Amino acid sequence: QVQLVESGGGSVQAGGSLRLSCVASGYTSRSACMGWFRQAPGKERERVAAIYTYNGDTYYADSVKGRFTISQGLADATLYLQMNFLKPEDTAMYFCATHSRVGHVPVRDRLAVCASSEYASWGPGTQVTVSS
């Protein structure tokens, strides 16, 4: 059972930056994708960014393109989300997750897989609050 623990959340003013980290442990098979999600009070969970773990291909929600960067550590057991130019609407609980699909994915299917909702393991989340 994969265990995920996020850190790095906090309170910042609009225009500021935060870097979230997610440490994964307990892997038995390598997930094809890892992702960052967020959920604000009263809103549905939103996928923010995802990464294809075998070569680092990245995918972003339109709302964060150009501001957020997802990356993985050299040992691939750590996932990061660099968040720049933060806005009040970025305020949410942020979660990292691993996809249920393991092993390599054909190029033509990677976006669909990483953008799907089939993420099986989740961390407890870290709160990000952006004030105007």
N, C-alpha and C. Protein backbone atom coordinates (compact mmCIF):
# COMPACT_ATOMS: atom_id res chain seq x y z
N GLN A 1 0.84 -1.18 0.00
CA GLN A 1 0.00 0.00 0.00
C GLN A 1 0.88 1.24 0.00
N VAL A 2 0.71 2.08 -1.01
CA VAL A 2 1.50 3.30 -1.12
C VAL A 2 1.02 4.32 -0.08
N GLN A 3 1.97 4.92 0.59
CA GLN A 3 1.65 6.00 1.53
C GLN A 3 2.24 7.30 1.02
N LEU A 4 1.47 8.36 1.08
CA LEU A 4 1.89 9.66 0.58
C LEU A 4 1.71 10.70 1.68
N VAL A 5 2.69 11.57 1.80
CA VAL A 5 2.62 12.63 2.79
C VAL A 5 3.04 13.94 2.15
N GLU A 6 2.13 14.91 2.17
CA GLU A 6 2.41 16.22 1.58
C GLU A 6 2.95 17.18 2.65
N SER A 7 3.69 18.18 2.19
CA SER A 7 4.16 19.25 3.06
C SER A 7 4.40 20.50 2.23
N GLY A 8 4.60 21.62 2.90
CA GLY A 8 4.96 22.86 2.20
C GLY A 8 3.84 23.87 2.07
N GLY A 9 2.64 23.49 2.50
CA GLY A 9 1.55 24.45 2.42
C GLY A 9 1.74 25.60 3.41
N GLY A 10 0.91 26.61 3.28
CA GLY A 10 1.00 27.75 4.18
C GLY A 10 0.15 28.90 3.70
N SER A 11 0.37 30.05 4.30
CA SER A 11 -0.37 31.26 3.95
C SER A 11 0.57 32.26 3.30
N VAL A 12 0.18 32.76 2.14
CA VAL A 12 0.98 33.75 1.42
C VAL A 12 0.07 34.82 0.85
N GLN A 13 0.66 35.93 0.49
CA GLN A 13 -0.09 36.97 -0.19
C GLN A 13 -0.13 36.70 -1.68
N ALA A 14 -1.11 37.26 -2.33
CA ALA A 14 -1.22 37.13 -3.78
C ALA A 14 0.08 37.57 -4.44
N GLY A 15 0.49 36.80 -5.43
CA GLY A 15 1.75 37.08 -6.11
C GLY A 15 2.93 36.31 -5.54
N GLY A 16 2.72 35.70 -4.39
CA GLY A 16 3.79 34.95 -3.74
C GLY A 16 3.94 33.54 -4.30
N SER A 17 4.86 32.80 -3.68
CA SER A 17 5.19 31.45 -4.15
C SER A 17 5.20 30.47 -2.99
N LEU A 18 4.92 29.23 -3.32
CA LEU A 18 5.06 28.12 -2.38
C LEU A 18 5.55 26.91 -3.16
N ARG A 19 6.24 26.03 -2.46
CA ARG A 19 6.66 24.77 -3.06
C ARG A 19 6.15 23.62 -2.21
N LEU A 20 5.28 22.82 -2.80
CA LEU A 20 4.74 21.66 -2.11
C LEU A 20 5.60 20.44 -2.41
N SER A 21 5.72 19.57 -1.42
CA SER A 21 6.44 18.31 -1.58
C SER A 21 5.52 17.16 -1.18
N CYS A 22 5.77 16.02 -1.79
CA CYS A 22 5.01 14.81 -1.47
C CYS A 22 5.99 13.65 -1.47
N VAL A 23 6.12 12.99 -0.33
CA VAL A 23 7.01 11.85 -0.22
C VAL A 23 6.18 10.57 -0.27
N ALA A 24 6.59 9.67 -1.14
CA ALA A 24 5.88 8.41 -1.32
C ALA A 24 6.70 7.26 -0.76
N SER A 25 6.03 6.30 -0.17
CA SER A 25 6.69 5.11 0.35
C SER A 25 5.77 3.91 0.18
N GLY A 26 6.36 2.73 0.28
CA GLY A 26 5.56 1.52 0.22
C GLY A 26 5.23 1.05 -1.18
N TYR A 27 5.97 1.56 -2.18
CA TYR A 27 5.73 1.12 -3.55
C TYR A 27 6.03 -0.36 -3.73
N THR A 28 5.15 -1.04 -4.46
CA THR A 28 5.45 -2.39 -4.94
C THR A 28 5.57 -2.39 -6.45
N SER A 29 4.84 -1.50 -7.12
CA SER A 29 4.93 -1.32 -8.57
C SER A 29 4.88 0.17 -8.86
N ARG A 30 5.53 0.59 -9.92
CA ARG A 30 5.63 2.01 -10.24
C ARG A 30 4.38 2.50 -10.95
N SER A 31 3.75 3.51 -10.38
CA SER A 31 2.58 4.10 -11.03
C SER A 31 2.99 4.86 -12.28
N ALA A 32 2.17 4.80 -13.31
CA ALA A 32 2.48 5.50 -14.55
C ALA A 32 2.43 7.02 -14.35
N CYS A 33 1.54 7.48 -13.50
CA CYS A 33 1.34 8.91 -13.31
C CYS A 33 1.23 9.25 -11.84
N MET A 34 1.68 10.43 -11.50
CA MET A 34 1.42 11.02 -10.19
C MET A 34 0.85 12.42 -10.43
N GLY A 35 0.04 12.86 -9.50
CA GLY A 35 -0.61 14.14 -9.73
C GLY A 35 -0.82 14.94 -8.47
N TRP A 36 -1.06 16.22 -8.67
CA TRP A 36 -1.48 17.13 -7.61
C TRP A 36 -2.93 17.53 -7.88
N PHE A 37 -3.71 17.49 -6.85
CA PHE A 37 -5.11 17.88 -6.92
C PHE A 37 -5.37 18.92 -5.84
N ARG A 38 -6.48 19.63 -5.97
CA ARG A 38 -6.86 20.57 -4.91
C ARG A 38 -8.37 20.59 -4.77
N GLN A 39 -8.79 20.94 -3.57
CA GLN A 39 -10.22 21.06 -3.31
C GLN A 39 -10.45 22.22 -2.36
N ALA A 40 -11.25 23.17 -2.83
CA ALA A 40 -11.64 24.31 -2.01
C ALA A 40 -12.99 24.01 -1.36
N PRO A 41 -13.28 24.64 -0.24
CA PRO A 41 -14.57 24.41 0.43
C PRO A 41 -15.75 24.64 -0.51
N GLY A 42 -16.65 23.68 -0.56
CA GLY A 42 -17.85 23.81 -1.37
C GLY A 42 -17.63 23.55 -2.85
N LYS A 43 -16.41 23.17 -3.23
CA LYS A 43 -16.11 22.92 -4.64
C LYS A 43 -15.66 21.48 -4.85
N GLU A 44 -15.75 21.03 -6.10
CA GLU A 44 -15.29 19.69 -6.42
C GLU A 44 -13.76 19.65 -6.48
N ARG A 45 -13.23 18.48 -6.27
CA ARG A 45 -11.78 18.30 -6.38
C ARG A 45 -11.35 18.53 -7.83
N GLU A 46 -10.24 19.20 -7.99
CA GLU A 46 -9.74 19.58 -9.32
C GLU A 46 -8.33 19.04 -9.49
N ARG A 47 -8.07 18.44 -10.65
CA ARG A 47 -6.70 18.04 -10.94
C ARG A 47 -5.91 19.28 -11.36
N VAL A 48 -4.81 19.53 -10.71
CA VAL A 48 -3.99 20.71 -10.96
C VAL A 48 -2.88 20.39 -11.96
N ALA A 49 -2.19 19.28 -11.73
CA ALA A 49 -1.07 18.92 -12.59
C ALA A 49 -0.81 17.44 -12.43
N ALA A 50 -0.24 16.85 -13.48
CA ALA A 50 0.12 15.44 -13.45
C ALA A 50 1.42 15.24 -14.19
N ILE A 51 2.10 14.16 -13.86
CA ILE A 51 3.38 13.86 -14.49
C ILE A 51 3.42 12.38 -14.83
N TYR A 52 3.90 12.07 -16.03
CA TYR A 52 4.13 10.69 -16.44
C TYR A 52 5.49 10.32 -15.86
N THR A 53 5.51 9.38 -14.93
CA THR A 53 6.69 9.18 -14.11
C THR A 53 7.88 8.59 -14.85
N TYR A 54 7.66 7.97 -16.00
CA TYR A 54 8.78 7.31 -16.70
C TYR A 54 9.65 8.29 -17.48
N ASN A 55 9.08 9.42 -17.94
CA ASN A 55 9.93 10.35 -18.68
C ASN A 55 9.69 11.81 -18.30
N GLY A 56 8.81 12.07 -17.34
CA GLY A 56 8.61 13.43 -16.87
C GLY A 56 7.67 14.28 -17.69
N ASP A 57 6.96 13.70 -18.66
CA ASP A 57 5.95 14.49 -19.38
C ASP A 57 4.95 15.06 -18.37
N THR A 58 4.59 16.31 -18.57
CA THR A 58 3.71 16.99 -17.61
C THR A 58 2.42 17.48 -18.26
N TYR A 59 1.40 17.60 -17.44
CA TYR A 59 0.08 18.03 -17.89
C TYR A 59 -0.48 18.97 -16.83
N TYR A 60 -1.09 20.08 -17.27
CA TYR A 60 -1.57 21.09 -16.34
C TYR A 60 -3.00 21.51 -16.64
N ALA A 61 -3.71 21.87 -15.58
CA ALA A 61 -5.00 22.51 -15.76
C ALA A 61 -4.78 23.90 -16.33
N ASP A 62 -5.71 24.35 -17.15
CA ASP A 62 -5.57 25.67 -17.77
C ASP A 62 -5.40 26.78 -16.73
N SER A 63 -6.03 26.60 -15.58
CA SER A 63 -6.02 27.64 -14.55
C SER A 63 -4.64 27.86 -13.92
N VAL A 64 -3.71 26.91 -14.11
CA VAL A 64 -2.40 27.04 -13.48
C VAL A 64 -1.25 27.04 -14.48
N LYS A 65 -1.55 26.85 -15.76
CA LYS A 65 -0.47 26.84 -16.76
C LYS A 65 0.33 28.12 -16.72
N GLY A 66 1.65 27.95 -16.76
CA GLY A 66 2.53 29.10 -16.74
C GLY A 66 2.86 29.60 -15.34
N ARG A 67 2.14 29.10 -14.33
CA ARG A 67 2.39 29.52 -12.95
C ARG A 67 2.88 28.38 -12.08
N PHE A 68 2.39 27.16 -12.31
CA PHE A 68 2.74 26.00 -11.50
C PHE A 68 3.63 25.07 -12.32
N THR A 69 4.55 24.39 -11.61
CA THR A 69 5.42 23.40 -12.24
C THR A 69 5.45 22.15 -11.39
N ILE A 70 5.10 21.02 -11.99
CA ILE A 70 5.18 19.74 -11.31
C ILE A 70 6.50 19.06 -11.70
N SER A 71 7.12 18.41 -10.74
CA SER A 71 8.37 17.71 -11.02
C SER A 71 8.51 16.57 -10.02
N GLN A 72 9.45 15.66 -10.33
CA GLN A 72 9.69 14.56 -9.41
C GLN A 72 11.16 14.52 -9.05
N GLY A 73 11.44 14.00 -7.87
CA GLY A 73 12.80 13.93 -7.41
C GLY A 73 13.59 12.87 -8.16
N LEU A 74 14.92 12.92 -8.00
CA LEU A 74 15.80 12.00 -8.73
C LEU A 74 15.48 10.55 -8.43
N ALA A 75 15.07 10.27 -7.21
CA ALA A 75 14.74 8.90 -6.84
C ALA A 75 13.30 8.57 -7.16
N ASP A 76 12.56 9.54 -7.72
CA ASP A 76 11.17 9.37 -8.13
C ASP A 76 10.25 9.06 -6.97
N ALA A 77 10.73 9.15 -5.75
CA ALA A 77 9.86 8.89 -4.61
C ALA A 77 9.30 10.18 -4.04
N THR A 78 9.69 11.30 -4.62
CA THR A 78 9.21 12.60 -4.16
C THR A 78 8.62 13.37 -5.32
N LEU A 79 7.50 13.98 -5.07
CA LEU A 79 6.80 14.79 -6.07
C LEU A 79 6.75 16.22 -5.57
N TYR A 80 6.95 17.17 -6.47
CA TYR A 80 6.95 18.58 -6.10
C TYR A 80 5.92 19.35 -6.91
N LEU A 81 5.48 20.45 -6.34
CA LEU A 81 4.65 21.40 -7.08
C LEU A 81 5.14 22.80 -6.72
N GLN A 82 5.83 23.43 -7.66
CA GLN A 82 6.26 24.81 -7.48
C GLN A 82 5.13 25.71 -7.93
N MET A 83 4.66 26.56 -7.04
CA MET A 83 3.53 27.43 -7.34
C MET A 83 3.99 28.88 -7.25
N ASN A 84 3.95 29.58 -8.38
CA ASN A 84 4.34 30.98 -8.46
C ASN A 84 3.14 31.84 -8.82
N PHE A 85 3.27 33.13 -8.56
CA PHE A 85 2.20 34.09 -8.89
C PHE A 85 0.85 33.60 -8.36
N LEU A 86 0.85 33.22 -7.11
CA LEU A 86 -0.36 32.66 -6.51
C LEU A 86 -1.48 33.69 -6.47
N LYS A 87 -2.70 33.19 -6.62
CA LYS A 87 -3.89 34.02 -6.61
C LYS A 87 -4.81 33.56 -5.48
N PRO A 88 -5.69 34.43 -5.00
CA PRO A 88 -6.63 34.01 -3.95
C PRO A 88 -7.44 32.79 -4.37
N GLU A 89 -7.74 32.65 -5.65
CA GLU A 89 -8.53 31.49 -6.10
C GLU A 89 -7.74 30.19 -6.08
N ASP A 90 -6.45 30.26 -5.78
CA ASP A 90 -5.65 29.05 -5.59
C ASP A 90 -5.81 28.47 -4.19
N THR A 91 -6.49 29.19 -3.32
CA THR A 91 -6.69 28.72 -1.95
C THR A 91 -7.47 27.41 -1.95
N ALA A 92 -6.89 26.39 -1.32
CA ALA A 92 -7.50 25.06 -1.29
C ALA A 92 -6.63 24.12 -0.47
N MET A 93 -7.17 22.94 -0.22
CA MET A 93 -6.36 21.84 0.29
C MET A 93 -5.76 21.14 -0.91
N TYR A 94 -4.45 20.92 -0.87
CA TYR A 94 -3.74 20.29 -1.98
C TYR A 94 -3.35 18.87 -1.61
N PHE A 95 -3.61 17.95 -2.54
CA PHE A 95 -3.34 16.54 -2.33
C PHE A 95 -2.44 16.00 -3.44
N CYS A 96 -1.54 15.09 -3.09
CA CYS A 96 -0.85 14.35 -4.12
C CYS A 96 -1.45 12.95 -4.18
N ALA A 97 -1.29 12.32 -5.34
CA ALA A 97 -1.90 11.02 -5.56
C ALA A 97 -1.12 10.24 -6.60
N THR A 98 -1.21 8.92 -6.51
CA THR A 98 -0.61 8.05 -7.50
C THR A 98 -1.71 7.34 -8.29
N HIS A 99 -1.46 7.18 -9.59
CA HIS A 99 -2.45 6.57 -10.48
C HIS A 99 -2.50 5.07 -10.27
N SER A 100 -3.65 4.48 -10.54
CA SER A 100 -3.80 3.03 -10.39
C SER A 100 -3.10 2.26 -11.50
N ARG A 101 -2.84 2.89 -12.62
CA ARG A 101 -2.17 2.24 -13.76
C ARG A 101 -0.69 2.14 -13.42
N VAL A 102 -0.13 0.96 -13.60
CA VAL A 102 1.31 0.76 -13.39
C VAL A 102 1.95 0.37 -14.70
N GLY A 103 3.26 0.62 -14.80
CA GLY A 103 4.00 0.27 -16.01
C GLY A 103 3.88 1.34 -17.08
N HIS A 104 4.61 1.10 -18.19
CA HIS A 104 4.65 2.06 -19.29
C HIS A 104 3.29 2.17 -19.97
N VAL A 105 3.07 3.36 -20.52
CA VAL A 105 1.82 3.66 -21.25
C VAL A 105 2.22 4.15 -22.65
N PRO A 106 1.56 3.68 -23.71
CA PRO A 106 1.87 4.18 -25.07
C PRO A 106 1.73 5.70 -25.12
N VAL A 107 2.56 6.33 -25.93
CA VAL A 107 2.58 7.79 -26.02
C VAL A 107 1.19 8.36 -26.28
N ARG A 108 0.45 7.72 -27.18
CA ARG A 108 -0.85 8.25 -27.58
C ARG A 108 -1.87 8.22 -26.43
N ASP A 109 -1.60 7.43 -25.39
CA ASP A 109 -2.56 7.28 -24.30
C ASP A 109 -2.15 8.03 -23.03
N ARG A 110 -0.95 8.61 -23.01
CA ARG A 110 -0.43 9.14 -21.75
C ARG A 110 -1.27 10.28 -21.19
N LEU A 111 -1.65 11.21 -22.04
CA LEU A 111 -2.44 12.34 -21.56
C LEU A 111 -3.76 11.85 -20.98
N ALA A 112 -4.40 10.94 -21.70
CA ALA A 112 -5.71 10.43 -21.24
C ALA A 112 -5.57 9.71 -19.91
N VAL A 113 -4.51 8.93 -19.77
CA VAL A 113 -4.32 8.18 -18.53
C VAL A 113 -4.03 9.15 -17.38
N CYS A 114 -3.07 10.02 -17.56
CA CYS A 114 -2.68 10.92 -16.47
C CYS A 114 -3.79 11.92 -16.13
N ALA A 115 -4.64 12.22 -17.09
CA ALA A 115 -5.73 13.17 -16.85
C ALA A 115 -6.99 12.48 -16.34
N SER A 116 -6.97 11.16 -16.24
CA SER A 116 -8.17 10.45 -15.79
C SER A 116 -8.34 10.57 -14.28
N SER A 117 -9.43 10.04 -13.80
CA SER A 117 -9.74 10.13 -12.37
C SER A 117 -9.31 8.90 -11.59
N GLU A 118 -8.59 7.99 -12.24
CA GLU A 118 -8.26 6.72 -11.61
C GLU A 118 -6.99 6.79 -10.76
N TYR A 119 -6.99 7.70 -9.82
CA TYR A 119 -5.89 7.80 -8.88
C TYR A 119 -6.28 7.03 -7.62
N ALA A 120 -5.40 6.14 -7.20
CA ALA A 120 -5.80 5.16 -6.20
C ALA A 120 -5.33 5.49 -4.79
N SER A 121 -4.17 6.12 -4.66
CA SER A 121 -3.61 6.39 -3.34
C SER A 121 -3.48 7.89 -3.16
N TRP A 122 -3.84 8.37 -1.97
CA TRP A 122 -3.88 9.81 -1.71
C TRP A 122 -3.20 10.14 -0.39
N GLY A 123 -2.59 11.32 -0.35
CA GLY A 123 -2.09 11.81 0.90
C GLY A 123 -3.17 12.56 1.66
N PRO A 124 -2.89 12.96 2.89
CA PRO A 124 -3.89 13.65 3.72
C PRO A 124 -4.09 15.11 3.32
N GLY A 125 -3.16 15.66 2.55
CA GLY A 125 -3.33 17.03 2.07
C GLY A 125 -2.55 18.06 2.86
N THR A 126 -2.30 19.20 2.22
CA THR A 126 -1.67 20.34 2.86
C THR A 126 -2.41 21.60 2.43
N GLN A 127 -2.69 22.48 3.38
CA GLN A 127 -3.52 23.65 3.10
C GLN A 127 -2.70 24.79 2.52
N VAL A 128 -3.23 25.38 1.46
CA VAL A 128 -2.65 26.57 0.85
C VAL A 128 -3.68 27.69 0.93
N THR A 129 -3.28 28.81 1.51
CA THR A 129 -4.18 29.96 1.64
C THR A 129 -3.50 31.18 1.05
N VAL A 130 -4.15 31.80 0.09
CA VAL A 130 -3.60 32.98 -0.58
C VAL A 130 -4.51 34.17 -0.30
N SER A 131 -3.96 35.19 0.30
CA SER A 131 -4.74 36.38 0.64
C SER A 131 -4.49 37.49 -0.37
N SER A 132 -5.51 38.29 -0.56
CA SER A 132 -5.40 39.37 -1.54
C SER A 132 -4.81 40.63 -0.93
